[in-house]
Amino acid sequence: MANEFDPSWNDDELNAHMGNLSDQAAGSRMLHPRPLERSLFGDDQHLFGILSHGEMQKKEITEQAIHLLHHHILNKREANAAGVYRVCDVLVLANKATTWKNVPTEMKDFLQWANANEPNEDIARFAAQVHHKLVNDSFGL
């Protein structure tokens, strides 16, 4: 199997790739298969293998190791949770321009509004509100 990461791999191919990379990092010593170990992300042998892999232990993490980690995490997401930060529609209307003299006052008002309305859970909805205030309302508080 080639050393290049392929996002289309299934779990078996991903495991084989991780085993090959671990073998290369360790010389002739076999590091895979690993026993199921508890990691930060729960009982997940694949993710633990990626995190404890020689590539991730080096001082310089390679782009390939990051792609591998992202690939594994994103494939474990539930379908209804995918794109969770893109669920709020934002309507952009024509806006009035503010004069430069009003910018400091309007920014102060905006920051007070943002601090008062800072979200506890729904960051996507708050981002949509911020966008609306900045683009549509031209700080129209």
N, C-alpha and C. Protein backbone atom coordinates (compact mmCIF):
# COMPACT_ATOMS: atom_id res chain seq x y z
N MET A 1 0.85 -1.18 0.00
CA MET A 1 0.00 0.00 0.00
C MET A 1 0.89 1.24 0.00
N ALA A 2 0.52 2.22 -0.75
CA ALA A 2 1.32 3.45 -0.86
C ALA A 2 1.31 4.22 0.45
N ASN A 3 2.30 5.09 0.63
CA ASN A 3 2.37 5.90 1.84
C ASN A 3 1.46 7.11 1.80
N GLU A 4 0.89 7.42 0.66
CA GLU A 4 0.03 8.59 0.55
C GLU A 4 -1.35 8.28 1.10
N PHE A 5 -1.94 9.23 1.79
CA PHE A 5 -3.27 9.10 2.37
C PHE A 5 -4.33 9.24 1.27
N ASP A 6 -5.34 8.39 1.32
CA ASP A 6 -6.44 8.45 0.37
C ASP A 6 -7.74 8.58 1.15
N PRO A 7 -8.48 9.70 1.04
CA PRO A 7 -9.69 9.91 1.82
C PRO A 7 -10.80 8.91 1.54
N SER A 8 -10.70 8.15 0.45
CA SER A 8 -11.77 7.20 0.12
C SER A 8 -11.60 5.85 0.83
N TRP A 9 -10.54 5.68 1.63
CA TRP A 9 -10.30 4.40 2.29
C TRP A 9 -11.40 4.08 3.29
N ASN A 10 -11.73 2.78 3.39
CA ASN A 10 -12.62 2.34 4.45
C ASN A 10 -11.78 2.04 5.69
N ASP A 11 -12.42 1.60 6.77
CA ASP A 11 -11.70 1.38 8.03
C ASP A 11 -10.60 0.33 7.91
N ASP A 12 -10.85 -0.74 7.15
CA ASP A 12 -9.82 -1.78 7.00
C ASP A 12 -8.59 -1.24 6.27
N GLU A 13 -8.82 -0.48 5.21
CA GLU A 13 -7.70 0.11 4.48
C GLU A 13 -6.95 1.13 5.34
N LEU A 14 -7.70 1.89 6.14
CA LEU A 14 -7.09 2.86 7.04
C LEU A 14 -6.22 2.16 8.08
N ASN A 15 -6.74 1.06 8.63
CA ASN A 15 -5.95 0.29 9.61
C ASN A 15 -4.68 -0.27 8.98
N ALA A 16 -4.81 -0.79 7.77
CA ALA A 16 -3.64 -1.35 7.09
C ALA A 16 -2.61 -0.26 6.85
N HIS A 17 -3.08 0.92 6.46
CA HIS A 17 -2.16 2.04 6.22
C HIS A 17 -1.47 2.45 7.51
N MET A 18 -2.22 2.53 8.59
CA MET A 18 -1.62 2.90 9.88
C MET A 18 -0.61 1.85 10.30
N GLY A 19 -0.91 0.58 10.06
CA GLY A 19 0.04 -0.47 10.39
C GLY A 19 1.31 -0.35 9.58
N ASN A 20 1.18 -0.06 8.29
CA ASN A 20 2.36 0.11 7.43
C ASN A 20 3.21 1.28 7.89
N LEU A 21 2.57 2.40 8.21
CA LEU A 21 3.32 3.57 8.66
C LEU A 21 4.01 3.29 9.99
N SER A 22 3.32 2.56 10.88
CA SER A 22 3.92 2.24 12.17
C SER A 22 5.11 1.32 12.00
N ASP A 23 4.99 0.35 11.08
CA ASP A 23 6.11 -0.56 10.82
C ASP A 23 7.31 0.22 10.31
N GLN A 24 7.06 1.18 9.42
CA GLN A 24 8.16 1.98 8.88
C GLN A 24 8.80 2.82 9.97
N ALA A 25 7.97 3.39 10.86
CA ALA A 25 8.50 4.24 11.92
C ALA A 25 9.31 3.44 12.92
N ALA A 26 8.95 2.17 13.12
CA ALA A 26 9.61 1.36 14.13
C ALA A 26 10.71 0.48 13.56
N GLY A 27 10.94 0.56 12.27
CA GLY A 27 11.90 -0.34 11.66
C GLY A 27 11.25 -1.69 11.46
N SER A 28 11.83 -2.73 12.02
CA SER A 28 11.26 -4.07 11.84
C SER A 28 10.29 -4.44 12.96
N ARG A 29 10.20 -3.62 13.99
CA ARG A 29 9.32 -3.93 15.12
C ARG A 29 7.86 -3.70 14.73
N MET A 30 7.00 -4.65 14.98
CA MET A 30 5.59 -4.54 14.62
C MET A 30 4.84 -3.82 15.72
N LEU A 31 4.15 -2.73 15.39
CA LEU A 31 3.39 -1.98 16.39
C LEU A 31 1.89 -2.22 16.29
N HIS A 32 1.42 -2.82 15.18
CA HIS A 32 0.00 -3.06 14.99
C HIS A 32 -0.22 -4.54 14.82
N PRO A 33 -1.34 -5.10 15.14
CA PRO A 33 -2.50 -4.41 15.68
C PRO A 33 -2.32 -4.10 17.16
N ARG A 34 -2.88 -3.00 17.60
CA ARG A 34 -2.80 -2.59 19.01
C ARG A 34 -3.99 -3.19 19.76
N PRO A 35 -3.82 -3.46 21.04
CA PRO A 35 -4.99 -3.83 21.83
C PRO A 35 -5.90 -2.61 21.95
N LEU A 36 -7.18 -2.86 22.17
CA LEU A 36 -8.11 -1.75 22.32
C LEU A 36 -7.71 -0.95 23.55
N GLU A 37 -7.42 0.31 23.36
CA GLU A 37 -6.99 1.16 24.47
C GLU A 37 -7.92 2.35 24.56
N ARG A 38 -8.12 2.84 25.76
CA ARG A 38 -9.01 3.98 25.96
C ARG A 38 -8.22 5.26 25.69
N SER A 39 -8.75 6.07 24.80
CA SER A 39 -8.09 7.33 24.48
C SER A 39 -8.98 8.47 24.92
N LEU A 40 -8.56 9.66 24.59
CA LEU A 40 -9.33 10.86 24.89
C LEU A 40 -10.71 10.81 24.27
N PHE A 41 -10.84 10.10 23.15
CA PHE A 41 -12.07 10.07 22.40
C PHE A 41 -12.89 8.81 22.68
N GLY A 42 -12.59 8.09 23.74
CA GLY A 42 -13.33 6.89 24.07
C GLY A 42 -12.61 5.65 23.59
N ASP A 43 -13.33 4.54 23.58
CA ASP A 43 -12.75 3.27 23.14
C ASP A 43 -12.69 3.25 21.62
N ASP A 44 -11.64 3.75 21.07
CA ASP A 44 -11.52 3.84 19.63
C ASP A 44 -10.11 3.46 19.22
N GLN A 45 -9.95 2.24 18.80
CA GLN A 45 -8.62 1.71 18.47
C GLN A 45 -7.99 2.49 17.32
N HIS A 46 -8.77 2.82 16.30
CA HIS A 46 -8.22 3.50 15.13
C HIS A 46 -7.68 4.88 15.50
N LEU A 47 -8.49 5.65 16.22
CA LEU A 47 -8.08 7.01 16.56
C LEU A 47 -6.89 6.99 17.51
N PHE A 48 -6.89 6.04 18.44
CA PHE A 48 -5.74 5.94 19.34
C PHE A 48 -4.48 5.61 18.55
N GLY A 49 -4.63 4.74 17.55
CA GLY A 49 -3.49 4.40 16.71
C GLY A 49 -2.95 5.61 15.96
N ILE A 50 -3.86 6.44 15.49
CA ILE A 50 -3.43 7.64 14.77
C ILE A 50 -2.71 8.59 15.71
N LEU A 51 -3.27 8.81 16.89
CA LEU A 51 -2.68 9.77 17.83
C LEU A 51 -1.36 9.29 18.39
N SER A 52 -1.22 7.98 18.59
CA SER A 52 0.02 7.47 19.18
C SER A 52 1.02 7.07 18.10
N HIS A 53 0.63 7.22 16.86
CA HIS A 53 1.47 6.86 15.73
C HIS A 53 2.75 7.69 15.72
N GLY A 54 3.80 7.14 15.20
CA GLY A 54 5.09 7.83 15.17
C GLY A 54 5.04 9.19 14.51
N GLU A 55 4.19 9.34 13.47
CA GLU A 55 4.08 10.64 12.79
C GLU A 55 3.61 11.72 13.76
N MET A 56 2.67 11.36 14.65
CA MET A 56 2.11 12.35 15.56
C MET A 56 3.06 12.61 16.73
N GLN A 57 4.01 11.74 16.97
CA GLN A 57 4.93 11.92 18.09
C GLN A 57 6.17 12.72 17.71
N LYS A 58 6.36 12.93 16.42
CA LYS A 58 7.50 13.72 15.98
C LYS A 58 7.28 15.18 16.37
N LYS A 59 8.36 15.94 16.39
CA LYS A 59 8.22 17.36 16.69
C LYS A 59 7.46 18.09 15.60
N GLU A 60 7.57 17.60 14.38
CA GLU A 60 6.89 18.24 13.26
C GLU A 60 5.82 17.29 12.73
N ILE A 61 4.56 17.66 12.87
CA ILE A 61 3.46 16.83 12.40
C ILE A 61 3.27 17.08 10.91
N THR A 62 3.16 16.02 10.15
CA THR A 62 3.03 16.15 8.70
C THR A 62 1.59 16.43 8.30
N GLU A 63 1.44 16.98 7.12
CA GLU A 63 0.11 17.25 6.58
C GLU A 63 -0.66 15.94 6.41
N GLN A 64 0.04 14.88 6.04
CA GLN A 64 -0.60 13.58 5.85
C GLN A 64 -1.21 13.07 7.15
N ALA A 65 -0.52 13.24 8.27
CA ALA A 65 -1.05 12.80 9.56
C ALA A 65 -2.29 13.59 9.93
N ILE A 66 -2.30 14.88 9.64
CA ILE A 66 -3.46 15.72 9.94
C ILE A 66 -4.65 15.29 9.08
N HIS A 67 -4.41 15.03 7.78
CA HIS A 67 -5.49 14.56 6.91
C HIS A 67 -6.05 13.24 7.41
N LEU A 68 -5.19 12.37 7.86
CA LEU A 68 -5.62 11.07 8.36
C LEU A 68 -6.50 11.22 9.59
N LEU A 69 -6.09 12.08 10.50
CA LEU A 69 -6.87 12.33 11.71
C LEU A 69 -8.22 12.96 11.37
N HIS A 70 -8.24 13.96 10.51
CA HIS A 70 -9.49 14.60 10.10
C HIS A 70 -10.41 13.59 9.43
N HIS A 71 -9.84 12.77 8.54
CA HIS A 71 -10.63 11.77 7.83
C HIS A 71 -11.34 10.85 8.83
N HIS A 72 -10.62 10.40 9.83
CA HIS A 72 -11.20 9.46 10.78
C HIS A 72 -12.27 10.13 11.64
N ILE A 73 -12.00 11.33 12.13
CA ILE A 73 -12.97 12.03 12.97
C ILE A 73 -14.24 12.35 12.19
N LEU A 74 -14.10 12.88 10.99
CA LEU A 74 -15.27 13.26 10.21
C LEU A 74 -16.10 12.05 9.80
N ASN A 75 -15.48 10.92 9.57
CA ASN A 75 -16.24 9.72 9.21
C ASN A 75 -17.02 9.16 10.38
N LYS A 76 -16.67 9.54 11.61
CA LYS A 76 -17.38 9.04 12.79
C LYS A 76 -18.58 9.92 13.15
N ARG A 77 -18.75 11.06 12.48
CA ARG A 77 -19.87 11.96 12.79
C ARG A 77 -21.17 11.35 12.33
N GLU A 78 -22.24 11.66 13.05
CA GLU A 78 -23.55 11.20 12.63
C GLU A 78 -24.03 12.08 11.48
N ALA A 79 -24.80 11.49 10.58
CA ALA A 79 -25.24 12.21 9.38
C ALA A 79 -26.03 13.47 9.73
N ASN A 80 -26.87 13.41 10.77
CA ASN A 80 -27.69 14.58 11.10
C ASN A 80 -26.89 15.67 11.80
N ALA A 81 -25.63 15.39 12.19
CA ALA A 81 -24.80 16.41 12.83
C ALA A 81 -23.82 17.04 11.85
N ALA A 82 -23.76 16.53 10.64
CA ALA A 82 -22.81 17.06 9.66
C ALA A 82 -23.21 18.48 9.26
N GLY A 83 -22.23 19.35 9.16
CA GLY A 83 -22.50 20.72 8.76
C GLY A 83 -23.24 21.52 9.80
N VAL A 84 -23.05 21.19 11.07
CA VAL A 84 -23.82 21.82 12.14
C VAL A 84 -23.61 23.33 12.19
N TYR A 85 -22.47 23.81 11.72
CA TYR A 85 -22.24 25.25 11.76
C TYR A 85 -22.79 25.96 10.53
N ARG A 86 -23.48 25.23 9.66
CA ARG A 86 -24.03 25.85 8.46
C ARG A 86 -25.54 25.72 8.42
N VAL A 87 -26.19 25.66 9.56
CA VAL A 87 -27.63 25.43 9.57
C VAL A 87 -28.45 26.70 9.62
N CYS A 88 -27.86 27.86 9.84
CA CYS A 88 -28.60 29.12 9.90
C CYS A 88 -28.50 29.86 8.58
N ASP A 89 -29.66 30.13 7.98
CA ASP A 89 -29.67 30.94 6.77
C ASP A 89 -29.48 32.40 7.15
N VAL A 90 -28.79 33.13 6.31
CA VAL A 90 -28.56 34.55 6.54
C VAL A 90 -29.07 35.30 5.33
N LEU A 91 -29.97 36.24 5.55
CA LEU A 91 -30.52 37.05 4.48
C LEU A 91 -29.73 38.35 4.41
N VAL A 92 -29.16 38.64 3.27
CA VAL A 92 -28.37 39.86 3.08
C VAL A 92 -29.20 40.83 2.26
N LEU A 93 -29.46 41.98 2.83
CA LEU A 93 -30.23 43.03 2.16
C LEU A 93 -29.31 44.22 1.90
N ALA A 94 -29.82 45.17 1.14
CA ALA A 94 -29.05 46.40 0.94
C ALA A 94 -28.91 47.10 2.28
N ASN A 95 -27.76 47.71 2.50
CA ASN A 95 -27.58 48.40 3.77
C ASN A 95 -27.15 49.83 3.54
N LYS A 96 -27.37 50.63 4.55
CA LYS A 96 -26.94 52.02 4.46
C LYS A 96 -25.51 52.12 4.96
N ALA A 97 -24.77 52.98 4.35
CA ALA A 97 -23.38 53.17 4.78
C ALA A 97 -23.35 54.10 5.98
N THR A 98 -22.45 53.82 6.88
CA THR A 98 -22.27 54.70 8.04
C THR A 98 -21.12 55.65 7.77
N THR A 99 -21.19 56.81 8.37
CA THR A 99 -20.09 57.75 8.20
C THR A 99 -18.95 57.36 9.13
N TRP A 100 -17.75 57.72 8.76
CA TRP A 100 -16.59 57.33 9.55
C TRP A 100 -16.64 57.90 10.96
N LYS A 101 -17.31 59.04 11.14
CA LYS A 101 -17.38 59.65 12.47
C LYS A 101 -18.23 58.80 13.42
N ASN A 102 -19.17 58.04 12.87
CA ASN A 102 -20.06 57.23 13.71
C ASN A 102 -19.49 55.85 14.04
N VAL A 103 -18.43 55.45 13.37
CA VAL A 103 -17.90 54.09 13.54
C VAL A 103 -17.51 53.79 14.99
N PRO A 104 -16.75 54.63 15.70
CA PRO A 104 -16.38 54.28 17.09
C PRO A 104 -17.59 54.08 18.00
N THR A 105 -18.59 54.94 17.88
CA THR A 105 -19.79 54.81 18.71
C THR A 105 -20.56 53.55 18.35
N GLU A 106 -20.71 53.30 17.05
CA GLU A 106 -21.46 52.12 16.62
C GLU A 106 -20.73 50.83 16.99
N MET A 107 -19.41 50.82 16.92
CA MET A 107 -18.65 49.63 17.32
C MET A 107 -18.79 49.39 18.82
N LYS A 108 -18.77 50.46 19.61
CA LYS A 108 -18.94 50.32 21.06
C LYS A 108 -20.33 49.73 21.35
N ASP A 109 -21.35 50.25 20.66
CA ASP A 109 -22.71 49.72 20.84
C ASP A 109 -22.78 48.25 20.40
N PHE A 110 -22.12 47.94 19.29
CA PHE A 110 -22.12 46.56 18.81
C PHE A 110 -21.46 45.62 19.81
N LEU A 111 -20.31 46.02 20.36
CA LEU A 111 -19.61 45.18 21.33
C LEU A 111 -20.43 44.98 22.59
N GLN A 112 -21.15 46.01 23.03
CA GLN A 112 -22.03 45.86 24.19
C GLN A 112 -23.14 44.85 23.87
N TRP A 113 -23.72 44.96 22.66
CA TRP A 113 -24.75 44.01 22.25
C TRP A 113 -24.18 42.59 22.19
N ALA A 114 -23.01 42.44 21.59
CA ALA A 114 -22.40 41.11 21.43
C ALA A 114 -22.10 40.48 22.79
N ASN A 115 -21.57 41.26 23.72
CA ASN A 115 -21.28 40.73 25.05
C ASN A 115 -22.55 40.36 25.80
N ALA A 116 -23.61 41.15 25.62
CA ALA A 116 -24.88 40.87 26.31
C ALA A 116 -25.58 39.65 25.71
N ASN A 117 -25.37 39.39 24.43
CA ASN A 117 -26.06 38.29 23.75
C ASN A 117 -25.16 37.11 23.43
N GLU A 118 -24.00 37.04 24.05
CA GLU A 118 -23.07 35.95 23.77
C GLU A 118 -23.74 34.61 24.02
N PRO A 119 -23.62 33.69 23.07
CA PRO A 119 -24.36 32.43 23.19
C PRO A 119 -23.73 31.46 24.18
N ASN A 120 -24.59 30.65 24.77
CA ASN A 120 -24.11 29.57 25.62
C ASN A 120 -23.92 28.30 24.81
N GLU A 121 -24.82 28.07 23.85
CA GLU A 121 -24.76 26.81 23.11
C GLU A 121 -24.78 26.98 21.60
N ASP A 122 -25.69 27.80 21.08
CA ASP A 122 -25.90 27.83 19.63
C ASP A 122 -25.05 28.90 18.96
N ILE A 123 -23.81 28.55 18.67
CA ILE A 123 -22.86 29.49 18.07
C ILE A 123 -23.25 29.84 16.64
N ALA A 124 -23.90 28.92 15.92
CA ALA A 124 -24.30 29.19 14.54
C ALA A 124 -25.35 30.28 14.49
N ARG A 125 -26.32 30.23 15.39
CA ARG A 125 -27.37 31.24 15.42
C ARG A 125 -26.78 32.61 15.79
N PHE A 126 -25.85 32.62 16.75
CA PHE A 126 -25.21 33.87 17.16
C PHE A 126 -24.39 34.45 16.00
N ALA A 127 -23.69 33.60 15.27
CA ALA A 127 -22.91 34.08 14.12
C ALA A 127 -23.83 34.69 13.07
N ALA A 128 -25.01 34.10 12.86
CA ALA A 128 -25.97 34.66 11.91
C ALA A 128 -26.48 36.02 12.39
N GLN A 129 -26.73 36.14 13.70
CA GLN A 129 -27.18 37.43 14.25
C GLN A 129 -26.09 38.49 14.12
N VAL A 130 -24.84 38.11 14.39
CA VAL A 130 -23.72 39.05 14.25
C VAL A 130 -23.61 39.51 12.80
N HIS A 131 -23.70 38.56 11.87
CA HIS A 131 -23.63 38.90 10.45
C HIS A 131 -24.75 39.86 10.09
N HIS A 132 -25.95 39.59 10.57
CA HIS A 132 -27.10 40.45 10.28
C HIS A 132 -26.86 41.86 10.81
N LYS A 133 -26.36 41.95 12.04
CA LYS A 133 -26.08 43.28 12.63
C LYS A 133 -25.02 44.03 11.84
N LEU A 134 -23.96 43.35 11.48
CA LEU A 134 -22.85 44.03 10.80
C LEU A 134 -23.17 44.38 9.35
N VAL A 135 -23.87 43.49 8.64
CA VAL A 135 -24.10 43.69 7.22
C VAL A 135 -25.43 44.38 6.94
N ASN A 136 -26.51 43.85 7.50
CA ASN A 136 -27.83 44.37 7.16
C ASN A 136 -28.19 45.64 7.93
N ASP A 137 -27.92 45.65 9.21
CA ASP A 137 -28.34 46.77 10.03
C ASP A 137 -27.34 47.91 10.04
N SER A 138 -26.15 47.66 9.56
CA SER A 138 -25.07 48.64 9.66
C SER A 138 -25.02 49.17 11.08
N PHE A 139 -24.96 48.22 12.01
CA PHE A 139 -24.95 48.48 13.45
C PHE A 139 -26.25 49.10 13.94
N GLY A 140 -27.32 49.00 13.17
CA GLY A 140 -28.57 49.68 13.54
C GLY A 140 -29.14 49.21 14.86
N LEU A 141 -28.50 49.54 15.93
CA LEU A 141 -28.94 49.10 17.26
C LEU A 141 -29.93 50.05 17.86
